[in-house]
């Protein structure tokens, strides 16, 4: 889905949305190769090619890392209403940066 919006600066914005269902694998402990999976479903929004939500700095047993698993997951989930909520959240985050 592609839409054109204007930012607070009056510039046109190209916005695309995508519902993703991904599975991420992480180590259980720093000293072992034991892995566990984490299922992540939600909306990814791109504004002028920049992906939102932005990666978050997280901690695990190995230290800090950039976590790319964040998604917009409103309670309406995979519906047009949920998509609009995800776009609204992404626009708020875009305007802050």
N, C-alpha and C. Protein backbone atom coordinates (compact mmCIF):
# COMPACT_ATOMS: atom_id res chain seq x y z
N UNK A 1 0.85 -1.17 0.00
CA UNK A 1 0.00 0.00 0.00
C UNK A 1 0.90 1.23 0.00
N UNK A 2 0.62 2.17 -0.86
CA UNK A 2 1.42 3.37 -0.93
C UNK A 2 0.52 4.59 -0.87
N UNK A 3 0.87 5.54 -0.05
CA UNK A 3 0.10 6.76 0.11
C UNK A 3 1.04 7.94 0.13
N UNK A 4 0.52 9.10 -0.16
CA UNK A 4 1.33 10.31 -0.08
C UNK A 4 0.75 11.20 1.02
N UNK A 5 1.57 11.60 1.94
CA UNK A 5 1.20 12.49 3.03
C UNK A 5 2.16 13.67 2.99
N UNK A 6 1.86 14.69 3.72
CA UNK A 6 2.79 15.81 3.86
C UNK A 6 3.31 15.84 5.28
N UNK A 7 4.60 16.12 5.41
CA UNK A 7 5.18 16.27 6.74
C UNK A 7 4.93 17.68 7.23
N UNK A 8 5.36 17.95 8.46
CA UNK A 8 5.16 19.29 9.01
C UNK A 8 5.97 20.33 8.24
N UNK A 9 6.97 19.88 7.48
CA UNK A 9 7.76 20.78 6.65
C UNK A 9 7.13 20.98 5.28
N UNK A 10 6.01 20.33 5.01
CA UNK A 10 5.34 20.45 3.73
C UNK A 10 5.89 19.54 2.65
N UNK A 11 6.83 18.68 3.01
CA UNK A 11 7.41 17.78 2.03
C UNK A 11 6.51 16.57 1.83
N UNK A 12 6.39 16.07 0.60
CA UNK A 12 5.57 14.87 0.40
C UNK A 12 6.27 13.64 0.99
N UNK A 13 5.49 12.74 1.54
CA UNK A 13 6.01 11.51 2.13
C UNK A 13 5.46 10.32 1.36
N UNK A 14 6.32 9.37 1.05
CA UNK A 14 5.88 8.11 0.47
C UNK A 14 5.83 7.10 1.61
N UNK A 15 4.66 6.54 1.85
CA UNK A 15 4.49 5.61 2.96
C UNK A 15 4.04 4.26 2.43
N UNK A 16 4.75 3.22 2.84
CA UNK A 16 4.35 1.85 2.51
C UNK A 16 4.22 1.07 3.81
N UNK A 17 3.32 0.12 3.81
CA UNK A 17 3.12 -0.72 5.00
C UNK A 17 3.21 -2.19 4.59
N UNK A 18 3.61 -3.00 5.55
CA UNK A 18 3.71 -4.43 5.31
C UNK A 18 3.47 -5.17 6.63
N UNK A 19 2.58 -6.16 6.60
CA UNK A 19 2.38 -7.03 7.75
C UNK A 19 3.40 -8.14 7.65
N UNK A 20 4.18 -8.34 8.71
CA UNK A 20 5.22 -9.38 8.69
C UNK A 20 4.96 -10.40 9.78
N UNK A 21 5.37 -11.61 9.50
CA UNK A 21 5.35 -12.70 10.47
C UNK A 21 6.74 -13.32 10.43
N UNK A 22 7.57 -12.97 11.39
CA UNK A 22 8.96 -13.42 11.40
C UNK A 22 9.26 -14.23 12.65
N UNK A 23 10.31 -15.02 12.56
CA UNK A 23 10.78 -15.79 13.70
C UNK A 23 12.26 -15.47 13.89
N UNK A 24 12.61 -15.03 15.08
CA UNK A 24 13.99 -14.67 15.41
C UNK A 24 14.55 -15.71 16.38
N UNK A 25 15.84 -16.00 16.21
CA UNK A 25 16.52 -16.96 17.08
C UNK A 25 17.55 -16.23 17.91
N UNK A 26 17.59 -16.58 19.21
CA UNK A 26 18.56 -15.98 20.11
C UNK A 26 19.16 -17.05 21.00
N UNK A 27 20.35 -16.76 21.51
CA UNK A 27 20.99 -17.69 22.43
C UNK A 27 20.34 -17.61 23.80
N UNK A 28 20.23 -18.76 24.45
CA UNK A 28 19.70 -18.78 25.82
C UNK A 28 20.75 -18.28 26.80
N UNK A 29 21.99 -18.70 26.61
CA UNK A 29 23.08 -18.32 27.51
C UNK A 29 24.31 -17.98 26.69
N UNK A 30 25.10 -17.13 27.26
CA UNK A 30 26.30 -16.64 26.60
C UNK A 30 27.29 -17.76 26.27
N UNK A 31 27.41 -18.75 27.14
CA UNK A 31 28.43 -19.77 27.00
C UNK A 31 27.97 -21.03 26.28
N UNK A 32 26.74 -21.06 25.80
CA UNK A 32 26.24 -22.27 25.13
C UNK A 32 25.69 -21.90 23.76
N UNK A 33 25.44 -22.92 22.99
CA UNK A 33 24.84 -22.74 21.67
C UNK A 33 23.34 -23.03 21.69
N UNK A 34 22.75 -23.14 22.88
CA UNK A 34 21.31 -23.38 22.99
C UNK A 34 20.56 -22.16 22.48
N UNK A 35 19.61 -22.38 21.59
CA UNK A 35 18.84 -21.30 21.00
C UNK A 35 17.37 -21.40 21.38
N UNK A 36 16.69 -20.28 21.36
CA UNK A 36 15.24 -20.27 21.49
C UNK A 36 14.68 -19.34 20.42
N UNK A 37 13.47 -19.63 20.00
CA UNK A 37 12.87 -18.82 18.95
C UNK A 37 11.84 -17.86 19.54
N UNK A 38 11.69 -16.74 18.86
CA UNK A 38 10.72 -15.74 19.28
C UNK A 38 9.93 -15.34 18.03
N UNK A 39 8.62 -15.52 18.09
CA UNK A 39 7.74 -15.17 16.97
C UNK A 39 7.35 -13.70 17.07
N UNK A 40 7.46 -12.96 15.96
CA UNK A 40 7.14 -11.54 15.93
C UNK A 40 6.22 -11.27 14.75
N UNK A 41 5.01 -10.84 15.05
CA UNK A 41 4.03 -10.47 14.02
C UNK A 41 3.69 -9.00 14.21
N UNK A 42 3.54 -8.28 13.12
CA UNK A 42 3.15 -6.88 13.22
C UNK A 42 3.43 -6.09 11.97
N UNK A 43 3.16 -4.81 12.06
CA UNK A 43 3.30 -3.90 10.93
C UNK A 43 4.68 -3.28 10.88
N UNK A 44 5.28 -3.28 9.67
CA UNK A 44 6.46 -2.49 9.37
C UNK A 44 5.99 -1.36 8.46
N UNK A 45 6.41 -0.16 8.75
CA UNK A 45 6.03 1.01 7.95
C UNK A 45 7.31 1.64 7.44
N UNK A 46 7.32 1.97 6.16
CA UNK A 46 8.44 2.69 5.58
C UNK A 46 7.97 4.08 5.17
N UNK A 47 8.70 5.10 5.63
CA UNK A 47 8.42 6.48 5.27
C UNK A 47 9.64 6.99 4.51
N UNK A 48 9.43 7.29 3.23
CA UNK A 48 10.53 7.70 2.34
C UNK A 48 11.70 6.71 2.41
N UNK A 49 11.38 5.43 2.50
CA UNK A 49 12.39 4.37 2.50
C UNK A 49 12.98 4.04 3.85
N UNK A 50 12.65 4.78 4.91
CA UNK A 50 13.18 4.52 6.25
C UNK A 50 12.19 3.64 7.01
N UNK A 51 12.68 2.54 7.56
CA UNK A 51 11.82 1.57 8.23
C UNK A 51 11.48 2.00 9.65
N UNK A 52 10.20 1.87 10.01
CA UNK A 52 9.70 2.14 11.35
C UNK A 52 8.90 0.93 11.80
N UNK A 53 8.91 0.55 13.09
CA UNK A 53 9.64 1.20 14.16
C UNK A 53 11.14 1.00 13.99
N UNK A 54 11.89 1.96 14.50
CA UNK A 54 13.34 1.92 14.44
C UNK A 54 13.85 0.84 15.38
N UNK A 55 15.01 0.26 15.08
CA UNK A 55 15.59 -0.74 15.98
C UNK A 55 15.81 -0.16 17.37
N UNK A 56 15.66 -1.01 18.37
CA UNK A 56 15.82 -0.59 19.76
C UNK A 56 17.08 -1.22 20.34
N UNK A 57 17.76 -0.50 21.20
CA UNK A 57 18.92 -1.04 21.89
C UNK A 57 18.43 -1.93 23.02
N UNK A 58 18.82 -3.20 23.00
CA UNK A 58 18.36 -4.17 24.00
C UNK A 58 19.56 -4.83 24.68
N UNK A 59 19.28 -5.51 25.76
CA UNK A 59 20.31 -6.24 26.50
C UNK A 59 19.96 -7.72 26.53
N UNK A 60 20.98 -8.54 26.48
CA UNK A 60 20.81 -9.97 26.73
C UNK A 60 22.05 -10.44 27.47
N UNK A 61 22.23 -11.73 27.57
CA UNK A 61 23.36 -12.26 28.33
C UNK A 61 24.71 -11.91 27.71
N UNK A 62 24.74 -11.65 26.41
CA UNK A 62 25.99 -11.30 25.73
C UNK A 62 26.28 -9.81 25.77
N UNK A 63 25.36 -9.00 26.26
CA UNK A 63 25.55 -7.56 26.29
C UNK A 63 24.49 -6.84 25.47
N UNK A 64 24.79 -5.62 25.08
CA UNK A 64 23.82 -4.82 24.33
C UNK A 64 23.87 -5.17 22.84
N UNK A 65 22.71 -5.08 22.19
CA UNK A 65 22.62 -5.33 20.76
C UNK A 65 21.44 -4.54 20.20
N UNK A 66 21.46 -4.31 18.89
CA UNK A 66 20.34 -3.65 18.23
C UNK A 66 19.28 -4.69 17.91
N UNK A 67 18.08 -4.48 18.42
CA UNK A 67 16.98 -5.42 18.26
C UNK A 67 16.08 -4.94 17.12
N UNK A 68 16.06 -5.70 16.03
CA UNK A 68 15.26 -5.36 14.85
C UNK A 68 13.90 -6.03 14.86
N UNK A 69 13.52 -6.66 15.95
CA UNK A 69 12.27 -7.42 15.99
C UNK A 69 11.05 -6.58 16.35
N UNK A 70 11.23 -5.31 16.65
CA UNK A 70 10.10 -4.47 17.05
C UNK A 70 9.14 -4.28 15.88
N UNK A 71 7.85 -4.35 16.17
CA UNK A 71 6.79 -4.11 15.18
C UNK A 71 5.68 -3.32 15.85
N UNK A 72 4.88 -2.66 15.02
CA UNK A 72 3.66 -2.03 15.51
C UNK A 72 2.59 -3.11 15.53
N UNK A 73 2.05 -3.40 16.71
CA UNK A 73 1.05 -4.45 16.84
C UNK A 73 -0.15 -3.94 17.61
N UNK A 74 -1.01 -3.15 16.94
CA UNK A 74 -2.22 -2.70 17.62
C UNK A 74 -3.16 -3.88 17.84
N UNK A 75 -4.10 -3.73 18.75
CA UNK A 75 -5.01 -4.84 19.06
C UNK A 75 -5.86 -5.23 17.85
N UNK A 76 -6.02 -4.30 16.88
CA UNK A 76 -6.79 -4.60 15.67
C UNK A 76 -5.99 -5.46 14.71
N UNK A 77 -4.71 -5.56 14.92
CA UNK A 77 -3.76 -6.36 14.18
C UNK A 77 -3.86 -6.17 12.67
N UNK A 78 -4.11 -7.27 11.95
CA UNK A 78 -4.01 -7.26 10.49
C UNK A 78 -5.32 -6.81 9.84
N UNK A 79 -5.73 -5.59 10.12
CA UNK A 79 -6.95 -5.00 9.55
C UNK A 79 -6.60 -3.61 9.03
N UNK A 80 -7.45 -3.03 8.19
CA UNK A 80 -7.21 -1.65 7.74
C UNK A 80 -7.09 -0.66 8.90
N UNK A 81 -7.88 -0.87 9.95
CA UNK A 81 -7.81 0.00 11.11
C UNK A 81 -6.45 -0.13 11.80
N UNK A 82 -5.98 -1.36 11.97
CA UNK A 82 -4.67 -1.60 12.57
C UNK A 82 -3.55 -0.99 11.73
N UNK A 83 -3.70 -1.04 10.42
CA UNK A 83 -2.71 -0.45 9.52
C UNK A 83 -2.66 1.07 9.70
N UNK A 84 -3.82 1.70 9.82
CA UNK A 84 -3.87 3.15 10.04
C UNK A 84 -3.22 3.54 11.36
N UNK A 85 -3.44 2.74 12.40
CA UNK A 85 -2.81 3.00 13.70
C UNK A 85 -1.29 2.91 13.57
N UNK A 86 -0.80 1.89 12.84
CA UNK A 86 0.64 1.72 12.65
C UNK A 86 1.22 2.91 11.90
N UNK A 87 0.53 3.39 10.87
CA UNK A 87 1.00 4.55 10.11
C UNK A 87 1.06 5.78 11.01
N UNK A 88 0.03 5.96 11.82
CA UNK A 88 -0.01 7.11 12.73
C UNK A 88 1.16 7.08 13.71
N UNK A 89 1.46 5.90 14.27
CA UNK A 89 2.58 5.77 15.21
C UNK A 89 3.91 6.04 14.50
N UNK A 90 4.04 5.53 13.28
CA UNK A 90 5.28 5.75 12.53
C UNK A 90 5.47 7.22 12.20
N UNK A 91 4.39 7.90 11.84
CA UNK A 91 4.48 9.33 11.54
C UNK A 91 4.89 10.13 12.77
N UNK A 92 4.39 9.75 13.93
CA UNK A 92 4.78 10.43 15.17
C UNK A 92 6.28 10.24 15.43
N UNK A 93 6.76 9.01 15.22
CA UNK A 93 8.18 8.72 15.43
C UNK A 93 9.02 9.44 14.37
N UNK A 94 8.54 9.53 13.15
CA UNK A 94 9.23 10.22 12.06
C UNK A 94 9.38 11.71 12.36
N UNK A 95 8.33 12.31 12.85
CA UNK A 95 8.34 13.74 13.14
C UNK A 95 9.25 14.09 14.31
N UNK A 96 9.47 13.14 15.23
CA UNK A 96 10.35 13.39 16.38
C UNK A 96 11.82 13.42 15.97
N UNK A 97 12.15 12.76 14.87
CA UNK A 97 13.56 12.68 14.45
C UNK A 97 13.86 13.71 13.43
